[in-house]
Amino acid sequence: MTDFTEGDGKTLWHGRFADGPAEALLAYTVSLPFDQRLAADDIAGSRAHVRGLVRGGLLDAHEASAILAALDQVEEELSTGAFTFGPADEDIHTAVERRVTELAGAPGGKLHTGRSRNDQVATDLRLYTKRAVLQVAEGILALQGVLLARADEVGDAYLPGYTHLQRAQPILLRHHLLAHGWALARDLDRLFDARRRTDVSPLGAGALAGSSLPLDPVGTAADLGFARVFDNSLDAVSDRDFVAETLFALALLGVHLSRIGEEVCLWASEEFGFLGLDDAYATGSSMMPQKKNPDIAELARGRSGRLIGHLTGLLTTLKGLPLTYNRDLQEDKEPLFDAVDQVTLALGALSGLLATSTFRTGAMAAAADSPYAAATDLAEFLVEGGTPFRDAHAIVGEIVRRALAGEASMAALVAADERLGAAAAALLEPGVSVTRRTTRGGAGPGPVAEQLERFRAQLSADADRVRRG
């Protein structure tokens, strides 16, 4: 291992080379501009490593005390902005070690004993990912809380449900809102599932083969709060499955946020008129004074593509790599960091938008009260009287066709049909159809009331899960 004892711009690996690195090499390979956010994780990992070296007899108490004190000072300098990066600080790991050596002197040169940047980086990134998942989960819970609050608030308001973006059947508005809430619950579950496989310590794997020194991987794993320790040193330093899995969970979460965004764009249009945007969560036009634009919703929709791109980019990077560490793996951080940032911002912005928007329930009801939206109820009315469903479907379909052709109103045709009559025509009255859905998970008042309680319980359980970490 090369000692790094001077603040003279030397690299951590300068001993092997007669000449210093070219500026073009440093410019192309540097990761410091983006991996600085791993500073807290790097310091935590270094502290655990130092304590492990003490347990292995590789550091005495005086040396460990000097290094730990230096790490404390580095942490303070980084948090206050007083830290000065040097010309050879190609990444945050190099910068921290360089500064620790400046502060601790000779003992600082022992900080990297038995450790490679390969297991160091993997450890830092796993620590970061564990924290980031909790951060995103908190944002998901906040958005779910908004959806639940609005579902409680809107009561028996109803609107058309859609298939193929065509009006289908009337549904309660709270049922529609909760549909998004359940999708978000799956997103949270997926993130925690990925986090479980992230929760493995690679510290002690070294560059790829472990070490001949008496290290303590089990102890350092426990020290850092990891649930498990690596089983294979080759796998430990090369594994980025946890990044790919987390990116997938974030990308699918982004897809679900995009769907919410798309509906906000539709509902806020004059053509739908279902939603009024609060001024604080809308933008205007630089040319057209009358405009109020749903930019948050549009960006949630647009940035989902960016999240999908991060996932596919990383998978493409990983697919051609032999064991073990290759510098290609440096490409794991920027997509992960950006995905976490973008999803976190989107969750906060959409939470604010949905919390402050006005649901125009009158326009929703008017759209849902079309007699054609009760066509399925008419077919089921016939089925209850013993008519086979396919026959019932054909009977009602013919009535719809005749009404659309202008022969008479839908209600008049239904009332005049001896197979249907006045009792069936009553199903076409405003607000009747939406009350007829009675099966579990359905869109009627009874099942939706039950669903609200299940969702409330799910949200409470997930909040406890996040608090426990």
Protein backbone atom coordinates (compact mmCIF):
# COMPACT_ATOMS: atom_id res chain seq x y z
CA MET A 1 0.00 0.00 0.00
CA THR A 2 1.29 3.46 -0.89
CA ASP A 3 1.57 5.95 1.94
CA PHE A 4 0.05 9.32 1.17
CA THR A 5 1.76 11.61 3.60
CA GLU A 6 2.12 14.89 1.76
CA GLY A 7 -0.29 17.50 0.44
CA ASP A 8 1.78 17.85 -2.72
CA GLY A 9 -0.72 16.76 -5.38
CA LYS A 10 0.42 13.14 -5.48
CA THR A 11 -2.09 10.45 -6.25
CA LEU A 12 -2.76 7.53 -3.92
CA TRP A 13 -1.05 5.31 -6.46
CA HIS A 14 1.92 7.50 -7.45
CA GLY A 15 4.58 5.03 -6.34
CA ARG A 16 4.04 2.77 -9.36
CA PHE A 17 4.50 5.59 -11.92
CA ALA A 18 7.56 7.59 -12.90
CA ASP A 19 5.48 10.51 -14.15
CA GLY A 20 2.33 12.18 -12.88
CA PRO A 21 -1.05 11.74 -14.55
CA ALA A 22 -1.95 13.77 -17.59
CA GLU A 23 -4.46 16.57 -17.11
CA ALA A 24 -6.73 14.92 -19.68
CA LEU A 25 -6.75 11.71 -17.64
CA LEU A 26 -7.65 13.52 -14.44
CA ALA A 27 -10.32 15.59 -16.16
CA TYR A 28 -11.96 12.51 -17.64
CA THR A 29 -11.75 10.22 -14.63
CA VAL A 30 -12.51 12.62 -11.78
CA SER A 31 -15.69 11.87 -9.84
CA LEU A 32 -15.33 14.40 -7.03
CA PRO A 33 -17.92 16.84 -8.43
CA PHE A 34 -20.70 14.30 -7.92
CA ASP A 35 -19.48 11.83 -5.31
CA GLN A 36 -19.00 14.52 -2.65
CA ARG A 37 -22.43 13.61 -1.38
CA LEU A 38 -20.90 10.34 -0.12
CA ALA A 39 -18.71 12.27 2.33
CA ALA A 40 -20.72 11.39 5.44
CA ASP A 41 -20.87 7.75 4.41
CA ASP A 42 -17.14 7.68 3.66
CA ILE A 43 -16.32 9.09 7.08
CA ALA A 44 -18.66 6.63 8.78
CA GLY A 45 -17.03 3.76 6.89
CA SER A 46 -13.56 4.99 7.80
CA ARG A 47 -14.42 5.22 11.48
CA ALA A 48 -15.70 1.65 11.47
CA HIS A 49 -12.60 0.52 9.59
CA VAL A 50 -10.33 2.18 12.13
CA ARG A 51 -12.11 0.47 15.01
CA GLY A 52 -11.79 -2.83 13.15
CA LEU A 53 -8.04 -2.26 12.70
CA VAL A 54 -7.74 -1.71 16.45
CA ARG A 55 -9.54 -4.98 17.15
CA GLY A 56 -7.15 -6.71 14.75
CA GLY A 57 -4.08 -5.24 16.45
CA LEU A 58 -3.16 -3.22 13.35
CA LEU A 59 -3.58 0.15 15.07
CA ASP A 60 -2.79 1.06 18.66
CA ALA A 61 -5.03 3.26 20.75
CA HIS A 62 -2.94 6.39 20.18
CA GLU A 63 -2.93 5.97 16.41
CA ALA A 64 -6.65 5.26 16.32
CA SER A 65 -7.38 8.29 18.47
CA ALA A 66 -5.39 10.55 16.13
CA ILE A 67 -7.14 9.22 13.03
CA LEU A 68 -10.62 9.42 14.57
CA ALA A 69 -9.99 12.97 15.75
CA ALA A 70 -8.86 13.87 12.22
CA LEU A 71 -12.00 12.29 10.78
CA ASP A 72 -14.09 14.38 13.18
CA GLN A 73 -12.37 17.54 11.99
CA VAL A 74 -12.76 16.57 8.32
CA GLU A 75 -16.46 15.99 8.92
CA GLU A 76 -16.78 19.44 10.49
CA GLU A 77 -14.83 21.10 7.69
CA LEU A 78 -17.00 19.46 5.07
CA SER A 79 -20.23 20.39 6.84
CA THR A 80 -19.22 24.04 7.29
CA GLY A 81 -17.72 24.46 3.83
CA ALA A 82 -14.23 25.05 5.22
CA PHE A 83 -12.79 21.95 3.54
CA THR A 84 -10.33 22.76 0.74
CA PHE A 85 -10.04 20.20 -2.03
CA GLY A 86 -6.62 19.54 -3.52
CA PRO A 87 -5.51 19.04 -7.13
CA ALA A 88 -5.11 15.28 -6.72
CA ASP A 89 -8.49 14.76 -5.04
CA GLU A 90 -10.03 12.68 -7.79
CA ASP A 91 -12.87 11.53 -5.56
CA ILE A 92 -14.25 12.11 -2.07
CA HIS A 93 -12.43 9.05 -0.73
CA THR A 94 -9.05 10.41 -1.81
CA ALA A 95 -9.89 13.85 -0.44
CA VAL A 96 -10.87 12.53 2.98
CA GLU A 97 -7.80 10.33 3.30
CA ARG A 98 -5.50 13.09 2.12
CA ARG A 99 -6.86 15.54 4.69
CA VAL A 100 -6.83 12.96 7.49
CA THR A 101 -3.15 12.32 6.78
CA GLU A 102 -2.42 16.04 6.86
CA LEU A 103 -4.12 16.34 10.24
CA ALA A 104 -3.04 13.07 11.89
CA GLY A 105 0.46 12.83 10.50
CA ALA A 106 2.06 9.39 10.30
CA PRO A 107 -0.92 7.53 11.79
CA GLY A 108 -3.03 8.86 8.95
CA GLY A 109 -0.98 6.82 6.54
CA LYS A 110 -2.41 3.70 8.19
CA LEU A 111 -6.06 4.59 7.57
CA HIS A 112 -6.18 2.61 4.34
CA THR A 113 -4.57 -0.51 5.83
CA GLY A 114 -6.32 -3.61 4.51
CA ARG A 115 -8.79 -1.53 2.53
CA SER A 116 -9.16 -0.80 -1.17
CA ARG A 117 -11.16 1.95 -2.77
CA ASN A 118 -13.09 -0.94 -4.32
CA ASP A 119 -14.65 -2.14 -1.07
CA GLN A 120 -14.62 1.42 0.31
CA VAL A 121 -16.72 2.82 -2.55
CA ALA A 122 -19.11 -0.12 -2.46
CA THR A 123 -19.59 0.36 1.28
CA ASP A 124 -20.21 4.09 0.93
CA LEU A 125 -22.72 3.62 -1.87
CA ARG A 126 -24.66 0.98 0.05
CA LEU A 127 -24.83 3.25 3.10
CA TYR A 128 -26.05 6.11 0.90
CA THR A 129 -28.65 3.96 -0.84
CA LYS A 130 -30.06 2.72 2.45
CA ARG A 131 -30.56 6.34 3.57
CA ALA A 132 -31.86 7.51 0.20
CA VAL A 133 -34.54 4.82 0.11
CA LEU A 134 -35.88 6.05 3.45
CA GLN A 135 -35.87 9.62 2.16
CA VAL A 136 -37.90 8.63 -0.90
CA ALA A 137 -40.21 6.49 1.23
CA GLU A 138 -41.01 9.52 3.39
CA GLY A 139 -41.96 11.43 0.23
CA ILE A 140 -44.20 8.57 -0.90
CA LEU A 141 -45.93 8.50 2.47
CA ALA A 142 -46.52 12.25 2.28
CA LEU A 143 -48.14 11.98 -1.15
CA GLN A 144 -50.24 9.02 -0.01
CA GLY A 145 -51.32 11.10 2.97
CA VAL A 146 -52.51 13.85 0.63
CA LEU A 147 -54.46 11.34 -1.48
CA LEU A 148 -56.08 9.90 1.66
CA ALA A 149 -56.97 13.35 3.01
CA ARG A 150 -58.54 14.38 -0.29
CA ALA A 151 -60.40 11.04 -0.49
CA ASP A 152 -61.86 11.68 2.96
CA GLU A 153 -62.75 15.23 1.97
CA VAL A 154 -64.59 14.58 -1.31
CA GLY A 155 -67.18 12.26 0.21
CA ASP A 156 -69.65 10.88 -2.32
CA ALA A 157 -68.42 12.94 -5.30
CA TYR A 158 -68.24 10.88 -8.47
CA LEU A 159 -66.91 11.11 -12.00
CA PRO A 160 -66.61 8.93 -15.09
CA GLY A 161 -64.13 6.12 -14.98
CA TYR A 162 -62.30 5.71 -18.27
CA THR A 163 -60.99 2.95 -20.47
CA HIS A 164 -59.26 3.81 -23.73
CA LEU A 165 -59.75 7.42 -22.53
CA GLN A 166 -63.46 6.95 -23.26
CA ARG A 167 -66.10 7.37 -20.57
CA ALA A 168 -66.86 3.92 -19.18
CA GLN A 169 -68.70 3.70 -15.84
CA PRO A 170 -69.33 6.17 -13.00
CA ILE A 171 -66.97 5.76 -10.03
CA LEU A 172 -66.48 7.57 -6.74
CA LEU A 173 -63.74 10.18 -6.86
CA ARG A 174 -62.22 8.79 -3.68
CA HIS A 175 -61.95 5.40 -5.42
CA HIS A 176 -59.94 7.02 -8.20
CA LEU A 177 -57.64 8.80 -5.75
CA LEU A 178 -57.01 5.63 -3.78
CA ALA A 179 -56.06 3.78 -6.96
CA HIS A 180 -52.99 6.00 -7.14
CA GLY A 181 -52.41 5.48 -3.42
CA TRP A 182 -52.24 1.69 -3.78
CA ALA A 183 -49.78 1.97 -6.69
CA LEU A 184 -47.56 4.13 -4.48
CA ALA A 185 -47.81 1.52 -1.71
CA ARG A 186 -46.33 -1.05 -4.09
CA ASP A 187 -43.55 1.41 -4.94
CA LEU A 188 -42.68 1.77 -1.28
CA ASP A 189 -42.69 -2.01 -0.86
CA ARG A 190 -40.39 -2.44 -3.86
CA LEU A 191 -37.95 0.13 -2.47
CA PHE A 192 -37.82 -1.66 0.86
CA ASP A 193 -37.32 -4.97 -0.89
CA ALA A 194 -34.37 -3.51 -2.80
CA ARG A 195 -33.08 -1.98 0.44
CA ARG A 196 -33.06 -5.41 2.07
CA ARG A 197 -30.61 -6.66 -0.56
CA THR A 198 -28.61 -3.43 -0.28
CA ASP A 199 -28.10 -4.08 3.43
CA VAL A 200 -24.92 -6.13 3.01
CA SER A 201 -21.48 -4.87 4.04
CA PRO A 202 -18.65 -5.26 1.50
CA LEU A 203 -16.04 -3.73 3.82
CA GLY A 204 -13.15 -6.16 4.21
CA ALA A 205 -13.34 -7.54 0.68
CA GLY A 206 -10.33 -5.43 -0.24
CA ALA A 207 -9.54 -4.86 -3.88
CA LEU A 208 -11.07 -8.23 -4.82
CA ALA A 209 -9.56 -11.05 -2.75
CA GLY A 210 -9.84 -10.09 0.89
CA SER A 211 -6.67 -9.62 2.93
CA SER A 212 -3.88 -11.48 4.71
CA LEU A 213 -4.26 -8.99 7.57
CA PRO A 214 -6.48 -9.73 10.59
CA LEU A 215 -9.45 -7.61 9.53
CA ASP A 216 -12.90 -7.81 11.11
CA PRO A 217 -15.59 -7.70 8.39
CA VAL A 218 -18.28 -8.99 10.73
CA GLY A 219 -17.49 -6.38 13.36
CA THR A 220 -17.34 -3.48 10.92
CA ALA A 221 -20.63 -4.59 9.36
CA ALA A 222 -22.31 -4.50 12.76
CA ASP A 223 -20.64 -1.19 13.56
CA LEU A 224 -22.13 0.35 10.39
CA GLY A 225 -25.58 -1.10 10.98
CA PHE A 226 -25.54 -3.58 8.11
CA ALA A 227 -27.75 -6.63 8.47
CA ARG A 228 -25.36 -9.02 6.74
CA VAL A 229 -21.75 -9.43 5.59
CA PHE A 230 -20.53 -10.35 2.12
CA ASP A 231 -19.89 -14.01 1.36
CA ASN A 232 -17.61 -13.65 -1.65
CA SER A 233 -15.03 -10.90 -2.02
CA LEU A 234 -15.19 -10.92 -5.83
CA ASP A 235 -18.94 -10.46 -5.76
CA ALA A 236 -18.76 -7.87 -2.97
CA VAL A 237 -16.70 -5.34 -4.92
CA SER A 238 -18.36 -5.89 -8.30
CA ASP A 239 -22.01 -6.15 -7.25
CA ARG A 240 -24.18 -3.22 -8.31
CA ASP A 241 -27.43 -5.18 -8.39
CA PHE A 242 -28.62 -3.04 -5.50
CA VAL A 243 -28.18 0.12 -7.57
CA ALA A 244 -30.01 -1.40 -10.53
CA GLU A 245 -32.85 -2.63 -8.32
CA THR A 246 -33.17 0.74 -6.64
CA LEU A 247 -33.17 2.48 -10.01
CA PHE A 248 -35.91 0.14 -11.20
CA ALA A 249 -38.03 0.90 -8.15
CA LEU A 250 -37.45 4.63 -8.66
CA ALA A 251 -38.20 4.38 -12.39
CA LEU A 252 -41.49 2.58 -11.78
CA LEU A 253 -42.35 5.10 -9.08
CA GLY A 254 -41.62 7.77 -11.69
CA VAL A 255 -43.97 6.04 -14.10
CA HIS A 256 -46.74 6.14 -11.48
CA LEU A 257 -46.07 9.82 -10.83
CA SER A 258 -46.19 10.36 -14.59
CA ARG A 259 -49.65 8.80 -14.72
CA ILE A 260 -50.82 11.17 -12.00
CA GLY A 261 -49.27 14.02 -13.95
CA GLU A 262 -51.03 12.99 -17.14
CA GLU A 263 -54.39 12.93 -15.40
CA VAL A 264 -53.77 16.34 -13.85
CA CYS A 265 -53.00 17.71 -17.32
CA LEU A 266 -56.24 16.23 -18.69
CA TRP A 267 -58.43 17.16 -15.74
CA ALA A 268 -57.12 20.74 -15.59
CA SER A 269 -57.92 21.34 -19.27
CA GLU A 270 -61.09 23.18 -20.23
CA GLU A 271 -62.10 20.12 -22.23
CA PHE A 272 -62.37 18.12 -18.99
CA GLY A 273 -62.76 20.90 -16.44
CA PHE A 274 -62.47 18.50 -13.49
CA LEU A 275 -59.60 20.23 -11.65
CA GLY A 276 -58.65 23.78 -10.75
CA LEU A 277 -54.99 24.45 -10.05
CA ASP A 278 -53.92 26.65 -7.16
CA ASP A 279 -51.93 29.68 -8.27
CA ALA A 280 -48.94 28.60 -6.19
CA TYR A 281 -48.66 25.31 -8.07
CA ALA A 282 -49.24 26.52 -11.64
CA THR A 283 -47.41 28.71 -14.11
CA GLY A 284 -48.53 31.24 -16.71
CA SER A 285 -47.71 32.02 -20.30
CA SER A 286 -45.16 34.63 -21.39
CA MET A 287 -47.48 35.57 -24.25
CA MET A 288 -51.05 34.49 -23.47
CA PRO A 289 -52.41 36.21 -20.34
CA GLN A 290 -55.31 33.79 -19.83
CA LYS A 291 -53.19 30.67 -19.40
CA LYS A 292 -52.67 28.62 -16.24
CA ASN A 293 -50.35 25.72 -16.98
CA PRO A 294 -49.81 22.44 -15.05
CA ASP A 295 -46.01 22.51 -15.33
CA ILE A 296 -45.44 20.29 -12.28
CA ALA A 297 -47.62 17.58 -13.79
CA GLU A 298 -45.94 17.90 -17.17
CA LEU A 299 -42.45 17.64 -15.67
CA ALA A 300 -43.45 14.62 -13.58
CA ARG A 301 -44.59 13.06 -16.83
CA GLY A 302 -41.50 14.13 -18.77
CA ARG A 303 -38.86 13.21 -16.21
CA SER A 304 -40.13 9.66 -15.96
CA GLY A 305 -38.26 9.09 -19.23
CA ARG A 306 -35.10 10.33 -17.57
CA LEU A 307 -35.53 7.82 -14.75
CA ILE A 308 -36.08 4.97 -17.20
CA GLY A 309 -32.97 6.10 -19.04
CA HIS A 310 -30.89 5.92 -15.86
CA LEU A 311 -31.96 2.30 -15.34
CA THR A 312 -31.32 1.19 -18.90
CA GLY A 313 -28.00 3.04 -18.96
CA LEU A 314 -26.71 1.28 -15.87
CA LEU A 315 -27.90 -2.14 -17.02
CA THR A 316 -26.12 -1.60 -20.32
CA THR A 317 -22.94 -0.69 -18.43
CA LEU A 318 -23.13 -3.75 -16.20
CA LYS A 319 -23.91 -6.32 -18.86
CA GLY A 320 -20.41 -6.41 -20.39
CA LEU A 321 -18.25 -6.30 -17.26
CA PRO A 322 -16.02 -9.19 -16.21
CA LEU A 323 -15.28 -9.73 -12.53
CA THR A 324 -14.37 -7.83 -10.52
CA TYR A 325 -14.04 -4.06 -10.25
CA ASN A 326 -13.79 -2.02 -13.43
CA ARG A 327 -13.80 1.76 -13.68
CA ASP A 328 -17.04 1.50 -15.62
CA LEU A 329 -18.69 1.10 -12.22
CA GLN A 330 -18.04 4.77 -11.56
CA GLU A 331 -21.11 5.26 -13.78
CA ASP A 332 -23.38 3.89 -11.05
CA LYS A 333 -23.50 7.05 -8.94
CA GLU A 334 -24.71 9.89 -11.12
CA PRO A 335 -27.85 8.07 -12.31
CA LEU A 336 -28.66 6.95 -8.77
CA PHE A 337 -28.11 10.41 -7.28
CA ASP A 338 -30.15 12.09 -9.99
CA ALA A 339 -32.97 9.56 -9.77
CA VAL A 340 -33.24 10.06 -6.01
CA ASP A 341 -33.18 13.85 -6.44
CA GLN A 342 -35.76 13.95 -9.22
CA VAL A 343 -38.17 11.55 -7.54
CA THR A 344 -37.89 13.41 -4.24
CA LEU A 345 -38.64 16.73 -5.94
CA ALA A 346 -41.54 15.26 -7.89
CA LEU A 347 -43.13 13.73 -4.79
CA GLY A 348 -42.98 17.05 -2.95
CA ALA A 349 -44.29 19.10 -5.86
CA LEU A 350 -47.16 16.73 -6.67
CA SER A 351 -48.10 16.54 -3.00
CA GLY A 352 -48.44 20.31 -2.93
CA LEU A 353 -50.33 20.42 -6.21
CA LEU A 354 -52.88 17.79 -5.19
CA ALA A 355 -53.31 19.20 -1.69
CA THR A 356 -54.22 22.65 -3.01
CA SER A 357 -56.17 21.82 -6.18
CA THR A 358 -59.92 22.26 -6.40
CA PHE A 359 -61.98 19.30 -7.53
CA ARG A 360 -64.83 20.56 -9.71
CA THR A 361 -67.26 17.91 -8.66
CA GLY A 362 -70.16 19.44 -10.54
CA ALA A 363 -68.37 19.03 -13.85
CA MET A 364 -67.36 15.51 -12.86
CA ALA A 365 -70.94 14.52 -12.03
CA ALA A 366 -72.30 16.08 -15.21
CA ALA A 367 -69.85 13.99 -17.26
CA ALA A 368 -70.70 10.83 -15.32
CA ASP A 369 -74.47 11.27 -15.51
CA SER A 370 -74.74 10.46 -19.20
CA PRO A 371 -77.31 7.66 -19.52
CA TYR A 372 -74.88 5.76 -21.72
CA ALA A 373 -72.56 5.36 -18.71
CA ALA A 374 -75.22 3.13 -17.11
CA ALA A 375 -75.33 0.71 -20.03
CA THR A 376 -73.58 -2.00 -18.03
CA ASP A 377 -76.13 -1.59 -15.25
CA LEU A 378 -78.89 -2.21 -17.77
CA ALA A 379 -77.17 -5.38 -18.97
CA GLU A 380 -76.74 -6.57 -15.38
CA PHE A 381 -80.41 -5.76 -14.71
CA LEU A 382 -81.30 -8.18 -17.49
CA VAL A 383 -78.86 -10.77 -16.18
CA GLU A 384 -80.50 -10.61 -12.75
CA GLY A 385 -83.76 -11.48 -14.51
CA GLY A 386 -82.22 -14.58 -16.11
CA THR A 387 -81.01 -13.25 -19.48
CA PRO A 388 -77.60 -14.63 -20.56
CA PHE A 389 -75.01 -11.85 -20.42
CA ARG A 390 -74.14 -11.96 -24.11
CA ASP A 391 -77.81 -11.58 -25.00
CA ALA A 392 -78.19 -8.77 -22.48
CA HIS A 393 -75.13 -7.04 -23.92
CA ALA A 394 -76.64 -7.20 -27.41
CA ILE A 395 -80.04 -5.90 -26.26
CA VAL A 396 -78.56 -2.88 -24.51
CA GLY A 397 -76.09 -2.27 -27.31
CA GLU A 398 -78.96 -2.04 -29.78
CA ILE A 399 -80.76 0.48 -27.56
CA VAL A 400 -77.62 2.59 -27.32
CA ARG A 401 -77.26 2.52 -31.10
CA ARG A 402 -80.88 3.62 -31.61
CA ALA A 403 -80.55 6.43 -29.06
CA LEU A 404 -77.36 7.72 -30.67
CA ALA A 405 -79.09 7.61 -34.06
CA GLY A 406 -81.70 10.01 -32.67
CA GLU A 407 -84.67 7.63 -32.60
CA ALA A 408 -85.50 8.63 -29.02
CA SER A 409 -83.76 9.30 -25.70
CA MET A 410 -81.99 6.43 -24.01
CA ALA A 411 -84.42 6.61 -21.07
CA ALA A 412 -87.47 6.53 -23.34
CA LEU A 413 -86.19 3.53 -25.27
CA VAL A 414 -85.39 1.64 -22.08
CA ALA A 415 -88.77 2.41 -20.53
CA ALA A 416 -90.56 1.28 -23.70
CA ASP A 417 -88.68 -2.03 -23.94
CA GLU A 418 -90.75 -4.78 -22.31
CA ARG A 419 -87.60 -6.59 -21.23
CA LEU A 420 -86.45 -3.50 -19.29
CA GLY A 421 -89.21 -1.01 -18.49
CA ALA A 422 -89.51 1.72 -15.87
CA ALA A 423 -87.49 -0.07 -13.21
CA ALA A 424 -84.53 -0.28 -15.54
CA ALA A 425 -85.02 3.30 -16.76
CA ALA A 426 -84.66 4.45 -13.14
CA LEU A 427 -81.07 3.22 -13.23
CA LEU A 428 -80.29 6.01 -15.71
CA GLU A 429 -81.14 8.73 -13.19
CA PRO A 430 -78.16 10.91 -12.12
CA GLY A 431 -76.07 9.42 -9.33
CA VAL A 432 -77.76 6.02 -9.33
CA SER A 433 -75.27 3.92 -11.26
CA VAL A 434 -72.30 4.73 -9.03
CA THR A 435 -74.12 3.32 -6.00
CA ARG A 436 -74.57 -0.12 -7.56
CA ARG A 437 -70.97 -1.36 -7.36
CA THR A 438 -70.94 -3.68 -4.34
CA THR A 439 -68.08 -6.15 -4.81
CA ARG A 440 -64.87 -5.95 -2.76
CA GLY A 441 -62.51 -3.32 -4.14
CA GLY A 442 -65.24 -1.91 -6.35
CA ALA A 443 -66.13 1.73 -6.95
CA GLY A 444 -69.40 1.94 -4.99
CA PRO A 445 -69.92 3.54 -1.54
CA GLY A 446 -69.85 0.30 0.48
CA PRO A 447 -66.66 -1.25 -0.86
CA VAL A 448 -64.91 2.12 -1.05
CA ALA A 449 -65.66 2.80 2.61
CA GLU A 450 -64.04 -0.54 3.45
CA GLN A 451 -61.14 0.21 1.14
CA LEU A 452 -60.52 3.54 2.87
CA GLU A 453 -59.98 1.76 6.16
CA ARG A 454 -57.66 -0.81 4.58
CA PHE A 455 -55.64 1.97 2.97
CA ARG A 456 -55.48 3.90 6.24
CA ALA A 457 -54.15 0.78 7.98
CA GLN A 458 -51.63 0.18 5.19
CA LEU A 459 -50.40 3.76 5.43
CA SER A 460 -49.98 3.46 9.19
CA ALA A 461 -48.07 0.19 8.86
CA ASP A 462 -45.80 1.63 6.18
CA ALA A 463 -45.13 4.73 8.28
CA ASP A 464 -43.99 2.47 11.13
CA ARG A 465 -41.81 0.60 8.67
CA VAL A 466 -40.11 3.81 7.58
CA ARG A 467 -39.61 4.97 11.17
CA ARG A 468 -37.95 1.67 12.03
CA GLY A 469 -35.67 2.04 9.02
